[in-house]
N, C-alpha and C. Protein backbone atom coordinates (compact mmCIF):
# COMPACT_ATOMS: atom_id res chain seq x y z
N UNK A 1 0.85 -1.18 0.00
CA UNK A 1 0.00 0.00 0.00
C UNK A 1 0.89 1.23 0.00
N UNK A 2 0.59 2.17 -0.88
CA UNK A 2 1.38 3.39 -0.98
C UNK A 2 1.13 4.28 0.23
N UNK A 3 2.19 4.87 0.83
CA UNK A 3 1.99 5.74 1.98
C UNK A 3 1.15 6.96 1.63
N UNK A 4 0.54 7.51 2.64
CA UNK A 4 -0.37 8.65 2.48
C UNK A 4 0.12 9.78 3.39
N UNK A 5 0.23 10.99 2.86
CA UNK A 5 0.65 12.12 3.68
C UNK A 5 -0.48 12.50 4.64
N UNK A 6 -0.16 13.16 5.76
CA UNK A 6 -1.21 13.61 6.68
C UNK A 6 -2.24 14.50 6.00
N UNK A 7 -1.81 15.35 5.06
CA UNK A 7 -2.74 16.21 4.35
C UNK A 7 -3.70 15.38 3.50
N UNK A 8 -3.16 14.39 2.84
CA UNK A 8 -3.99 13.49 2.03
C UNK A 8 -4.94 12.70 2.92
N UNK A 9 -4.47 12.27 4.09
CA UNK A 9 -5.31 11.53 5.02
C UNK A 9 -6.51 12.37 5.44
N UNK A 10 -6.29 13.67 5.72
CA UNK A 10 -7.40 14.56 6.07
C UNK A 10 -8.39 14.64 4.91
N UNK A 11 -7.88 14.77 3.67
CA UNK A 11 -8.76 14.86 2.51
C UNK A 11 -9.57 13.58 2.33
N UNK A 12 -8.93 12.44 2.53
CA UNK A 12 -9.63 11.16 2.42
C UNK A 12 -10.73 11.07 3.46
N UNK A 13 -10.42 11.47 4.69
CA UNK A 13 -11.41 11.42 5.76
C UNK A 13 -12.63 12.27 5.45
N UNK A 14 -12.41 13.43 4.86
CA UNK A 14 -13.52 14.34 4.57
C UNK A 14 -14.41 13.82 3.44
N UNK A 15 -13.89 12.94 2.60
CA UNK A 15 -14.67 12.42 1.48
C UNK A 15 -15.63 11.31 1.89
N UNK A 16 -15.51 10.80 3.08
CA UNK A 16 -16.34 9.68 3.52
C UNK A 16 -17.30 10.12 4.61
N UNK A 17 -18.37 10.82 4.21
CA UNK A 17 -19.30 11.32 5.21
C UNK A 17 -20.66 10.64 5.15
N UNK A 18 -20.96 9.93 4.11
CA UNK A 18 -22.27 9.29 4.00
C UNK A 18 -22.30 8.01 4.83
N UNK A 19 -23.43 7.77 5.50
CA UNK A 19 -23.58 6.59 6.36
C UNK A 19 -23.29 5.30 5.61
N UNK A 20 -23.69 5.21 4.36
CA UNK A 20 -23.52 3.97 3.61
C UNK A 20 -22.05 3.64 3.37
N UNK A 21 -21.19 4.63 3.51
CA UNK A 21 -19.75 4.40 3.28
C UNK A 21 -18.97 4.24 4.58
N UNK A 22 -19.62 4.35 5.69
CA UNK A 22 -18.88 4.37 6.96
C UNK A 22 -18.14 3.07 7.25
N UNK A 23 -18.76 1.95 7.00
CA UNK A 23 -18.06 0.68 7.27
C UNK A 23 -16.84 0.57 6.37
N UNK A 24 -17.02 0.89 5.10
CA UNK A 24 -15.89 0.83 4.17
C UNK A 24 -14.80 1.80 4.61
N UNK A 25 -15.22 2.98 5.09
CA UNK A 25 -14.24 3.95 5.55
C UNK A 25 -13.46 3.41 6.73
N UNK A 26 -14.18 2.83 7.70
CA UNK A 26 -13.50 2.29 8.89
C UNK A 26 -12.49 1.24 8.51
N UNK A 27 -12.91 0.34 7.65
CA UNK A 27 -11.97 -0.70 7.22
C UNK A 27 -10.79 -0.07 6.50
N UNK A 28 -11.06 0.97 5.72
CA UNK A 28 -9.98 1.66 5.01
C UNK A 28 -9.02 2.36 5.96
N UNK A 29 -9.55 3.07 6.96
CA UNK A 29 -8.67 3.79 7.89
C UNK A 29 -7.85 2.82 8.72
N UNK A 30 -8.45 1.69 9.09
CA UNK A 30 -7.68 0.69 9.82
C UNK A 30 -6.55 0.16 8.95
N UNK A 31 -6.87 -0.13 7.68
CA UNK A 31 -5.83 -0.63 6.77
C UNK A 31 -4.74 0.41 6.56
N UNK A 32 -5.13 1.67 6.37
CA UNK A 32 -4.14 2.73 6.16
C UNK A 32 -3.27 2.88 7.40
N UNK A 33 -3.88 2.91 8.57
CA UNK A 33 -3.08 3.10 9.79
C UNK A 33 -2.13 1.94 10.00
N UNK A 34 -2.60 0.75 9.71
CA UNK A 34 -1.73 -0.42 9.88
C UNK A 34 -0.55 -0.36 8.91
N UNK A 35 -0.84 -0.04 7.66
CA UNK A 35 0.22 0.01 6.67
C UNK A 35 1.23 1.12 6.97
N UNK A 36 0.73 2.26 7.40
CA UNK A 36 1.61 3.39 7.63
C UNK A 36 2.51 3.20 8.84
N UNK A 37 2.01 2.55 9.86
CA UNK A 37 2.81 2.37 11.06
C UNK A 37 3.74 1.17 10.98
N UNK A 38 3.59 0.37 9.95
CA UNK A 38 4.45 -0.79 9.77
C UNK A 38 5.87 -0.40 9.41
N UNK A 39 6.02 0.78 8.90
CA UNK A 39 7.34 1.18 8.39
C UNK A 39 7.26 1.19 6.89
N UNK A 40 8.38 1.26 6.25
CA UNK A 40 8.40 1.22 4.81
C UNK A 40 8.10 2.57 4.16
N UNK A 41 7.59 3.51 4.91
CA UNK A 41 7.33 4.83 4.36
C UNK A 41 8.31 5.80 5.01
N UNK A 42 8.61 6.85 4.28
CA UNK A 42 9.51 7.83 4.86
C UNK A 42 8.79 8.57 5.97
N UNK A 43 9.55 9.13 6.89
CA UNK A 43 8.96 9.86 8.02
C UNK A 43 8.12 11.04 7.54
N UNK A 44 8.51 11.65 6.43
CA UNK A 44 7.77 12.80 5.92
C UNK A 44 6.40 12.40 5.38
N UNK A 45 6.27 11.17 4.88
CA UNK A 45 5.02 10.72 4.27
C UNK A 45 4.09 10.02 5.24
N UNK A 46 4.60 9.50 6.34
CA UNK A 46 3.79 8.70 7.24
C UNK A 46 3.16 9.55 8.33
N UNK A 47 1.85 9.37 8.54
CA UNK A 47 1.25 10.04 9.69
C UNK A 47 1.88 9.50 10.97
N UNK A 48 1.93 10.35 11.96
CA UNK A 48 2.44 9.90 13.25
C UNK A 48 1.38 9.04 13.93
N UNK A 49 1.78 8.38 14.99
CA UNK A 49 0.85 7.57 15.77
C UNK A 49 -0.35 8.40 16.21
N UNK A 50 -0.11 9.63 16.65
CA UNK A 50 -1.21 10.44 17.16
C UNK A 50 -2.03 11.09 16.04
N UNK A 51 -1.50 11.19 14.85
CA UNK A 51 -2.34 11.61 13.73
C UNK A 51 -3.33 10.50 13.38
N UNK A 52 -2.89 9.27 13.43
CA UNK A 52 -3.80 8.14 13.20
C UNK A 52 -4.85 8.09 14.31
N UNK A 53 -4.42 8.29 15.55
CA UNK A 53 -5.36 8.28 16.67
C UNK A 53 -6.36 9.43 16.56
N UNK A 54 -5.92 10.58 16.06
CA UNK A 54 -6.84 11.71 15.85
C UNK A 54 -7.91 11.32 14.84
N UNK A 55 -7.52 10.62 13.78
CA UNK A 55 -8.49 10.17 12.79
C UNK A 55 -9.50 9.22 13.43
N UNK A 56 -9.02 8.35 14.29
CA UNK A 56 -9.93 7.45 15.00
C UNK A 56 -10.88 8.24 15.90
N UNK A 57 -10.37 9.22 16.65
CA UNK A 57 -11.23 10.03 17.52
C UNK A 57 -12.36 10.68 16.73
N UNK A 58 -12.02 11.27 15.60
CA UNK A 58 -13.03 11.87 14.75
C UNK A 58 -14.11 10.86 14.40
N UNK A 59 -13.71 9.70 14.01
CA UNK A 59 -14.68 8.72 13.52
C UNK A 59 -15.39 7.96 14.62
N UNK A 60 -14.85 7.93 15.82
CA UNK A 60 -15.62 7.35 16.93
C UNK A 60 -16.93 8.11 17.08
N UNK A 61 -16.90 9.43 16.85
CA UNK A 61 -18.10 10.25 17.04
C UNK A 61 -19.22 9.84 16.09
N UNK A 62 -18.89 9.22 14.98
CA UNK A 62 -19.88 8.83 13.98
C UNK A 62 -20.51 7.47 14.27
N UNK A 63 -19.98 6.77 15.27
CA UNK A 63 -20.48 5.43 15.56
C UNK A 63 -20.96 5.28 17.00
N UNK A 64 -21.24 6.40 17.64
CA UNK A 64 -21.72 6.39 19.02
C UNK A 64 -23.00 7.21 19.08
N UNK A 65 -24.01 6.68 19.78
CA UNK A 65 -25.24 7.43 20.04
C UNK A 65 -25.21 7.88 21.50
N UNK A 66 -25.37 9.20 21.69
CA UNK A 66 -25.39 9.77 23.04
C UNK A 66 -26.82 9.74 23.58
N UNK A 67 -26.98 9.72 24.90
CA UNK A 67 -28.32 9.69 25.48
C UNK A 67 -29.11 10.95 25.16
N UNK A 68 -30.43 10.79 25.09
CA UNK A 68 -31.30 11.94 24.86
C UNK A 68 -31.02 12.97 25.95
N UNK A 69 -30.98 14.23 25.58
CA UNK A 69 -30.73 15.28 26.54
C UNK A 69 -29.27 15.58 26.78
N UNK A 70 -28.37 14.86 26.13
CA UNK A 70 -26.93 15.11 26.32
C UNK A 70 -26.54 16.48 25.77
N UNK A 71 -27.22 16.91 24.73
CA UNK A 71 -26.91 18.20 24.12
C UNK A 71 -27.96 19.22 24.56
N UNK A 72 -27.50 20.41 24.91
CA UNK A 72 -28.41 21.46 25.39
C UNK A 72 -29.41 21.86 24.32
N UNK A 73 -29.00 21.83 23.05
CA UNK A 73 -29.87 22.20 21.94
C UNK A 73 -29.48 21.37 20.71
N UNK A 74 -30.39 21.24 19.74
CA UNK A 74 -30.07 20.45 18.55
C UNK A 74 -28.83 20.93 17.80
N UNK A 75 -28.51 22.22 17.93
CA UNK A 75 -27.34 22.76 17.23
C UNK A 75 -26.10 22.86 18.12
N UNK A 76 -26.19 22.37 19.35
CA UNK A 76 -25.02 22.42 20.26
C UNK A 76 -23.87 21.61 19.67
N UNK A 77 -22.63 22.06 19.87
CA UNK A 77 -21.50 21.32 19.33
C UNK A 77 -21.25 20.00 20.06
N UNK A 78 -20.61 19.10 19.37
CA UNK A 78 -20.11 17.86 19.96
C UNK A 78 -18.66 18.15 20.30
N UNK A 79 -18.35 18.12 21.59
CA UNK A 79 -17.05 18.57 22.07
C UNK A 79 -16.11 17.39 22.32
N UNK A 80 -14.99 17.38 21.63
CA UNK A 80 -13.91 16.42 21.87
C UNK A 80 -12.91 17.13 22.76
N UNK A 81 -12.76 16.65 23.98
CA UNK A 81 -11.87 17.29 24.95
C UNK A 81 -10.57 16.52 25.09
N UNK A 82 -9.50 17.25 25.34
CA UNK A 82 -8.19 16.66 25.62
C UNK A 82 -7.85 17.02 27.06
N UNK A 83 -7.69 16.00 27.90
CA UNK A 83 -7.36 16.18 29.32
C UNK A 83 -5.88 15.91 29.52
N UNK A 84 -5.17 16.88 30.08
CA UNK A 84 -3.74 16.70 30.34
C UNK A 84 -2.92 17.05 29.12
N UNK A 85 -1.74 16.45 29.02
CA UNK A 85 -0.85 16.72 27.90
C UNK A 85 -1.52 16.41 26.58
N UNK A 86 -1.32 17.30 25.60
CA UNK A 86 -1.96 17.15 24.29
C UNK A 86 -0.97 16.57 23.28
N UNK A 87 -1.09 15.27 22.96
CA UNK A 87 -0.16 14.67 22.01
C UNK A 87 -0.53 14.93 20.55
N UNK A 88 -1.69 15.56 20.31
CA UNK A 88 -2.18 15.73 18.94
C UNK A 88 -1.69 17.01 18.27
N UNK A 89 -1.26 17.99 19.06
CA UNK A 89 -0.88 19.27 18.48
C UNK A 89 -2.07 19.88 17.79
N UNK A 90 -1.86 20.48 16.63
CA UNK A 90 -2.97 21.10 15.90
C UNK A 90 -3.68 20.12 14.96
N UNK A 91 -3.15 18.90 14.83
CA UNK A 91 -3.72 17.97 13.84
C UNK A 91 -5.17 17.62 14.13
N UNK A 92 -5.52 17.39 15.40
CA UNK A 92 -6.91 17.06 15.72
C UNK A 92 -7.83 18.22 15.35
N UNK A 93 -7.41 19.45 15.64
CA UNK A 93 -8.21 20.63 15.26
C UNK A 93 -8.40 20.68 13.74
N UNK A 94 -7.35 20.39 13.00
CA UNK A 94 -7.42 20.44 11.54
C UNK A 94 -8.36 19.38 11.00
N UNK A 95 -8.29 18.19 11.56
CA UNK A 95 -9.06 17.07 11.01
C UNK A 95 -10.56 17.20 11.32
N UNK A 96 -10.93 17.86 12.41
CA UNK A 96 -12.35 18.02 12.72
C UNK A 96 -12.94 19.31 12.15
N UNK A 97 -12.10 20.19 11.62
CA UNK A 97 -12.59 21.46 11.08
C UNK A 97 -13.64 21.20 10.00
N UNK A 98 -14.81 21.80 10.20
CA UNK A 98 -15.89 21.66 9.22
C UNK A 98 -16.70 20.39 9.33
N UNK A 99 -16.34 19.50 10.26
CA UNK A 99 -17.06 18.23 10.42
C UNK A 99 -18.25 18.39 11.36
N UNK A 100 -19.29 17.62 11.13
CA UNK A 100 -20.47 17.60 12.00
C UNK A 100 -21.01 16.18 12.06
N UNK A 101 -21.65 15.86 13.17
CA UNK A 101 -22.29 14.56 13.35
C UNK A 101 -23.72 14.81 13.81
N UNK A 102 -24.68 14.34 13.03
CA UNK A 102 -26.10 14.52 13.34
C UNK A 102 -26.43 15.97 13.65
N UNK A 103 -25.85 16.90 12.89
CA UNK A 103 -26.13 18.32 13.07
C UNK A 103 -25.30 19.00 14.14
N UNK A 104 -24.44 18.26 14.82
CA UNK A 104 -23.59 18.84 15.86
C UNK A 104 -22.20 19.09 15.29
N UNK A 105 -21.81 20.35 15.21
CA UNK A 105 -20.47 20.70 14.75
C UNK A 105 -19.45 20.16 15.75
N UNK A 106 -18.37 19.57 15.24
CA UNK A 106 -17.32 19.05 16.11
C UNK A 106 -16.36 20.17 16.48
N UNK A 107 -16.03 20.23 17.77
CA UNK A 107 -15.04 21.19 18.27
C UNK A 107 -14.07 20.45 19.19
N UNK A 108 -12.90 21.03 19.35
CA UNK A 108 -11.87 20.45 20.22
C UNK A 108 -11.58 21.44 21.34
N UNK A 109 -11.54 20.94 22.58
CA UNK A 109 -11.21 21.77 23.75
C UNK A 109 -10.12 21.10 24.55
N UNK A 110 -9.24 21.91 25.11
CA UNK A 110 -8.25 21.42 26.07
C UNK A 110 -8.80 21.73 27.45
N UNK A 111 -8.83 20.73 28.33
CA UNK A 111 -9.49 20.89 29.63
C UNK A 111 -8.57 20.43 30.76
N UNK A 112 -9.01 20.77 31.99
CA UNK A 112 -8.33 20.29 33.19
C UNK A 112 -9.27 19.33 33.91
N UNK A 113 -8.87 18.85 35.06
CA UNK A 113 -9.66 17.86 35.78
C UNK A 113 -11.10 18.27 36.06
N UNK A 114 -11.38 19.54 36.06
CA UNK A 114 -12.75 20.02 36.29
C UNK A 114 -13.16 20.87 35.10
N UNK A 115 -13.48 20.21 33.96
CA UNK A 115 -13.76 20.98 32.75
C UNK A 115 -14.97 21.89 32.91
N UNK A 116 -14.84 23.11 32.38
CA UNK A 116 -15.95 24.06 32.44
C UNK A 116 -16.90 23.86 31.26
N UNK A 117 -16.48 23.08 30.27
CA UNK A 117 -17.34 22.79 29.12
C UNK A 117 -17.76 21.34 29.16
N UNK A 118 -18.93 21.07 28.59
CA UNK A 118 -19.41 19.69 28.50
C UNK A 118 -18.59 18.96 27.44
N UNK A 119 -18.15 17.77 27.78
CA UNK A 119 -17.38 16.96 26.85
C UNK A 119 -18.22 15.73 26.48
N UNK A 120 -18.37 15.48 25.19
CA UNK A 120 -19.02 14.24 24.78
C UNK A 120 -17.97 13.15 24.56
N UNK A 121 -16.77 13.56 24.18
CA UNK A 121 -15.63 12.65 24.04
C UNK A 121 -14.49 13.29 24.83
N UNK A 122 -13.77 12.48 25.61
CA UNK A 122 -12.60 13.02 26.29
C UNK A 122 -11.44 12.04 26.11
N UNK A 123 -10.33 12.58 25.60
CA UNK A 123 -9.09 11.82 25.52
C UNK A 123 -8.29 12.20 26.75
N UNK A 124 -7.97 11.21 27.58
CA UNK A 124 -7.23 11.44 28.82
C UNK A 124 -5.79 11.01 28.60
N UNK A 125 -4.88 11.94 28.79
CA UNK A 125 -3.46 11.64 28.62
C UNK A 125 -3.06 10.48 29.52
N UNK A 126 -2.22 9.60 29.00
CA UNK A 126 -1.76 8.46 29.79
C UNK A 126 -0.88 8.92 30.95
N UNK A 127 -0.39 10.16 30.90
CA UNK A 127 0.44 10.70 31.99
C UNK A 127 -0.40 11.16 33.18
N UNK A 128 -1.72 11.28 32.99
CA UNK A 128 -2.59 11.72 34.07
C UNK A 128 -2.59 10.68 35.20
N UNK A 129 -2.50 11.17 36.42
CA UNK A 129 -2.52 10.27 37.57
C UNK A 129 -3.95 9.84 37.85
N UNK A 130 -4.13 8.60 38.20
CA UNK A 130 -5.41 8.03 38.60
C UNK A 130 -6.51 8.30 37.58
N UNK A 131 -6.28 7.78 36.38
CA UNK A 131 -7.26 7.95 35.31
C UNK A 131 -8.61 7.33 35.68
N UNK A 132 -8.59 6.23 36.44
CA UNK A 132 -9.84 5.58 36.84
C UNK A 132 -10.71 6.52 37.65
N UNK A 133 -10.12 7.28 38.58
CA UNK A 133 -10.89 8.23 39.38
C UNK A 133 -11.43 9.35 38.52
N UNK A 134 -10.65 9.78 37.54
CA UNK A 134 -11.09 10.83 36.63
C UNK A 134 -12.29 10.36 35.82
N UNK A 135 -12.23 9.12 35.32
CA UNK A 135 -13.35 8.55 34.56
C UNK A 135 -14.61 8.51 35.42
N UNK A 136 -14.47 8.07 36.66
CA UNK A 136 -15.62 8.00 37.57
C UNK A 136 -16.22 9.38 37.82
N UNK A 137 -15.39 10.40 37.89
CA UNK A 137 -15.86 11.75 38.18
C UNK A 137 -16.61 12.37 37.01
N UNK A 138 -16.41 11.85 35.79
CA UNK A 138 -17.02 12.44 34.61
C UNK A 138 -18.52 12.19 34.54
N UNK A 139 -18.97 11.09 35.04
CA UNK A 139 -20.39 10.80 34.98
C UNK A 139 -20.81 10.27 33.61
N UNK A 140 -22.13 10.18 33.37
CA UNK A 140 -22.64 9.58 32.13
C UNK A 140 -22.53 10.52 30.93
N UNK A 141 -22.70 9.94 29.76
CA UNK A 141 -22.74 10.70 28.52
C UNK A 141 -21.40 11.11 27.96
N UNK A 142 -20.31 10.52 28.45
CA UNK A 142 -18.98 10.89 27.98
C UNK A 142 -18.25 9.64 27.48
N UNK A 143 -17.80 9.68 26.23
CA UNK A 143 -16.99 8.62 25.67
C UNK A 143 -15.56 8.86 26.11
N UNK A 144 -15.04 7.99 26.98
CA UNK A 144 -13.68 8.15 27.52
C UNK A 144 -12.70 7.35 26.67
N UNK A 145 -11.57 7.99 26.32
CA UNK A 145 -10.57 7.39 25.46
C UNK A 145 -9.19 7.70 26.04
N UNK A 146 -8.29 6.71 26.00
CA UNK A 146 -6.92 6.93 26.42
C UNK A 146 -6.03 5.85 25.81
N UNK A 147 -4.77 5.88 26.17
CA UNK A 147 -3.80 4.90 25.69
C UNK A 147 -3.63 3.78 26.70
N UNK A 148 -3.37 2.57 26.21
CA UNK A 148 -2.99 1.46 27.06
C UNK A 148 -4.14 0.53 27.43
N UNK A 149 -3.84 -0.76 27.40
CA UNK A 149 -4.84 -1.79 27.71
C UNK A 149 -5.45 -1.61 29.09
N UNK A 150 -4.66 -1.13 30.03
CA UNK A 150 -5.16 -0.98 31.40
C UNK A 150 -6.29 0.04 31.50
N UNK A 151 -6.39 0.96 30.55
CA UNK A 151 -7.44 1.98 30.62
C UNK A 151 -8.83 1.36 30.53
N UNK A 152 -9.04 0.44 29.60
CA UNK A 152 -10.36 -0.18 29.50
C UNK A 152 -10.62 -1.11 30.68
N UNK A 153 -9.59 -1.72 31.20
CA UNK A 153 -9.76 -2.58 32.38
C UNK A 153 -10.11 -1.75 33.62
N UNK A 154 -9.70 -0.48 33.63
CA UNK A 154 -9.96 0.41 34.77
C UNK A 154 -11.23 1.24 34.61
N UNK A 155 -12.07 0.90 33.65
CA UNK A 155 -13.35 1.58 33.50
C UNK A 155 -13.46 2.54 32.34
N UNK A 156 -12.37 2.76 31.60
CA UNK A 156 -12.44 3.60 30.40
C UNK A 156 -13.17 2.85 29.29
N UNK A 157 -13.68 3.58 28.33
CA UNK A 157 -14.47 2.94 27.27
C UNK A 157 -13.61 2.49 26.09
N UNK A 158 -12.75 3.36 25.58
CA UNK A 158 -11.91 3.01 24.44
C UNK A 158 -10.45 3.16 24.83
N UNK A 159 -9.68 2.12 24.60
CA UNK A 159 -8.25 2.13 24.91
C UNK A 159 -7.46 1.90 23.63
N UNK A 160 -6.66 2.89 23.25
CA UNK A 160 -5.76 2.70 22.12
C UNK A 160 -4.62 1.78 22.54
N UNK A 161 -4.28 0.87 21.66
CA UNK A 161 -3.15 -0.03 21.90
C UNK A 161 -2.33 -0.11 20.61
N UNK A 162 -1.06 -0.39 20.78
CA UNK A 162 -0.21 -0.67 19.63
C UNK A 162 -0.05 -2.18 19.57
N UNK A 163 -0.53 -2.75 18.49
CA UNK A 163 -0.52 -4.20 18.30
C UNK A 163 0.26 -4.49 17.03
N UNK A 164 1.43 -5.09 17.18
CA UNK A 164 2.28 -5.39 16.04
C UNK A 164 2.58 -4.12 15.23
N UNK A 165 2.92 -3.04 15.96
CA UNK A 165 3.26 -1.74 15.40
C UNK A 165 2.09 -1.08 14.67
N UNK A 166 0.87 -1.44 15.02
CA UNK A 166 -0.32 -0.87 14.41
C UNK A 166 -1.19 -0.25 15.51
N UNK A 167 -1.82 0.88 15.20
CA UNK A 167 -2.75 1.47 16.14
C UNK A 167 -4.06 0.68 16.07
N UNK A 168 -4.45 0.15 17.20
CA UNK A 168 -5.73 -0.57 17.32
C UNK A 168 -6.44 -0.01 18.55
N UNK A 169 -7.60 -0.53 18.85
CA UNK A 169 -8.30 -0.09 20.04
C UNK A 169 -9.15 -1.21 20.61
N UNK A 170 -9.28 -1.20 21.93
CA UNK A 170 -10.14 -2.12 22.66
C UNK A 170 -11.33 -1.31 23.16
N UNK A 171 -12.48 -1.96 23.28
CA UNK A 171 -13.69 -1.30 23.77
C UNK A 171 -14.21 -2.03 24.99
N UNK A 172 -14.54 -1.26 26.01
CA UNK A 172 -15.19 -1.79 27.22
C UNK A 172 -16.68 -1.49 27.06
N UNK A 173 -17.42 -2.48 26.54
CA UNK A 173 -18.84 -2.31 26.24
C UNK A 173 -19.67 -2.04 27.50
N UNK A 174 -19.33 -2.70 28.60
CA UNK A 174 -20.10 -2.48 29.84
C UNK A 174 -19.89 -1.06 30.36
N UNK A 175 -18.69 -0.50 30.19
CA UNK A 175 -18.45 0.89 30.60
C UNK A 175 -19.24 1.85 29.72
N UNK A 176 -19.35 1.53 28.43
CA UNK A 176 -20.14 2.37 27.53
C UNK A 176 -21.61 2.35 27.93
N UNK A 177 -22.13 1.18 28.24
CA UNK A 177 -23.53 1.07 28.67
C UNK A 177 -23.76 1.82 29.97
N UNK A 178 -22.81 1.71 30.89
CA UNK A 178 -22.92 2.43 32.16
C UNK A 178 -22.96 3.94 31.93
N UNK A 179 -22.25 4.42 30.91
CA UNK A 179 -22.22 5.84 30.58
C UNK A 179 -23.44 6.26 29.76
N UNK A 180 -24.29 5.30 29.41
CA UNK A 180 -25.48 5.61 28.63
C UNK A 180 -25.21 5.77 27.15
N UNK A 181 -24.09 5.25 26.67
CA UNK A 181 -23.70 5.37 25.27
C UNK A 181 -23.99 4.08 24.53
N UNK A 182 -24.47 4.21 23.31
CA UNK A 182 -24.70 3.05 22.46
C UNK A 182 -23.66 3.07 21.36
N UNK A 183 -22.81 2.05 21.35
CA UNK A 183 -21.76 1.96 20.34
C UNK A 183 -22.25 1.06 19.21
N UNK A 184 -22.13 1.55 18.00
CA UNK A 184 -22.57 0.82 16.82
C UNK A 184 -21.85 -0.52 16.71
N UNK A 185 -22.59 -1.52 16.25
CA UNK A 185 -21.98 -2.84 16.04
C UNK A 185 -20.90 -2.75 14.97
N UNK A 186 -21.00 -1.76 14.08
CA UNK A 186 -19.98 -1.58 13.04
C UNK A 186 -18.64 -1.20 13.66
N UNK A 187 -18.68 -0.41 14.71
CA UNK A 187 -17.44 -0.03 15.40
C UNK A 187 -16.93 -1.21 16.24
N UNK A 188 -17.83 -1.92 16.86
CA UNK A 188 -17.43 -3.06 17.69
C UNK A 188 -16.71 -4.12 16.85
N UNK A 189 -17.14 -4.28 15.58
CA UNK A 189 -16.52 -5.32 14.74
C UNK A 189 -15.09 -4.99 14.34
N UNK A 190 -14.71 -3.71 14.36
CA UNK A 190 -13.32 -3.38 13.98
C UNK A 190 -12.42 -3.19 15.18
N UNK A 191 -12.98 -3.30 16.40
CA UNK A 191 -12.16 -3.21 17.60
C UNK A 191 -11.28 -4.46 17.72
N UNK A 192 -10.14 -4.31 18.33
CA UNK A 192 -9.27 -5.47 18.58
C UNK A 192 -9.92 -6.44 19.54
N UNK A 193 -10.55 -5.88 20.59
CA UNK A 193 -11.29 -6.71 21.53
C UNK A 193 -12.43 -5.89 22.13
N UNK A 194 -13.47 -6.58 22.57
CA UNK A 194 -14.63 -5.95 23.19
C UNK A 194 -14.90 -6.68 24.51
N UNK A 195 -14.83 -5.94 25.61
CA UNK A 195 -15.15 -6.52 26.92
C UNK A 195 -16.61 -6.25 27.20
N UNK A 196 -17.34 -7.30 27.53
CA UNK A 196 -18.80 -7.14 27.75
C UNK A 196 -19.15 -7.21 29.19
């Protein structure tokens, strides 16, 4: 598979917005991320690990249903929050620019342990102390994402893992249900593992 530049990856992501193409897109992004992280591409052409993870964060929003009443208004934004150190730089902001899910414009916020904005998705830095307590403090309606297998075992919903030099993710289905989130079976089928 020919390597893809980060700019090209953003363009590819923006071309797949119709529901009928979402499964094909997911399979494509997984294949692209796997091929790019395998090596064989120059550093200038290969997205970084966190650029691939940013693409996953964007697309998680398209495969999750939030509970009724999660949004203050039909036009309220869907907020992707970054807690702690931000490994994405400006790439996550670039990739979500102009994107919307079910009429909710996607925005990115950097937050602290007591966010002043509502977060529908929160990426918690792996450097944060006691991520399990932070997850518990968030309450329902928040898709929690972080790095490492231990995150899903400790109550987080989505845990990024590197499997054979590829970005993959595990899903804690019972944590999602506890948070009142419904994860599409299409997303569950591309996860590395699903804990029920």
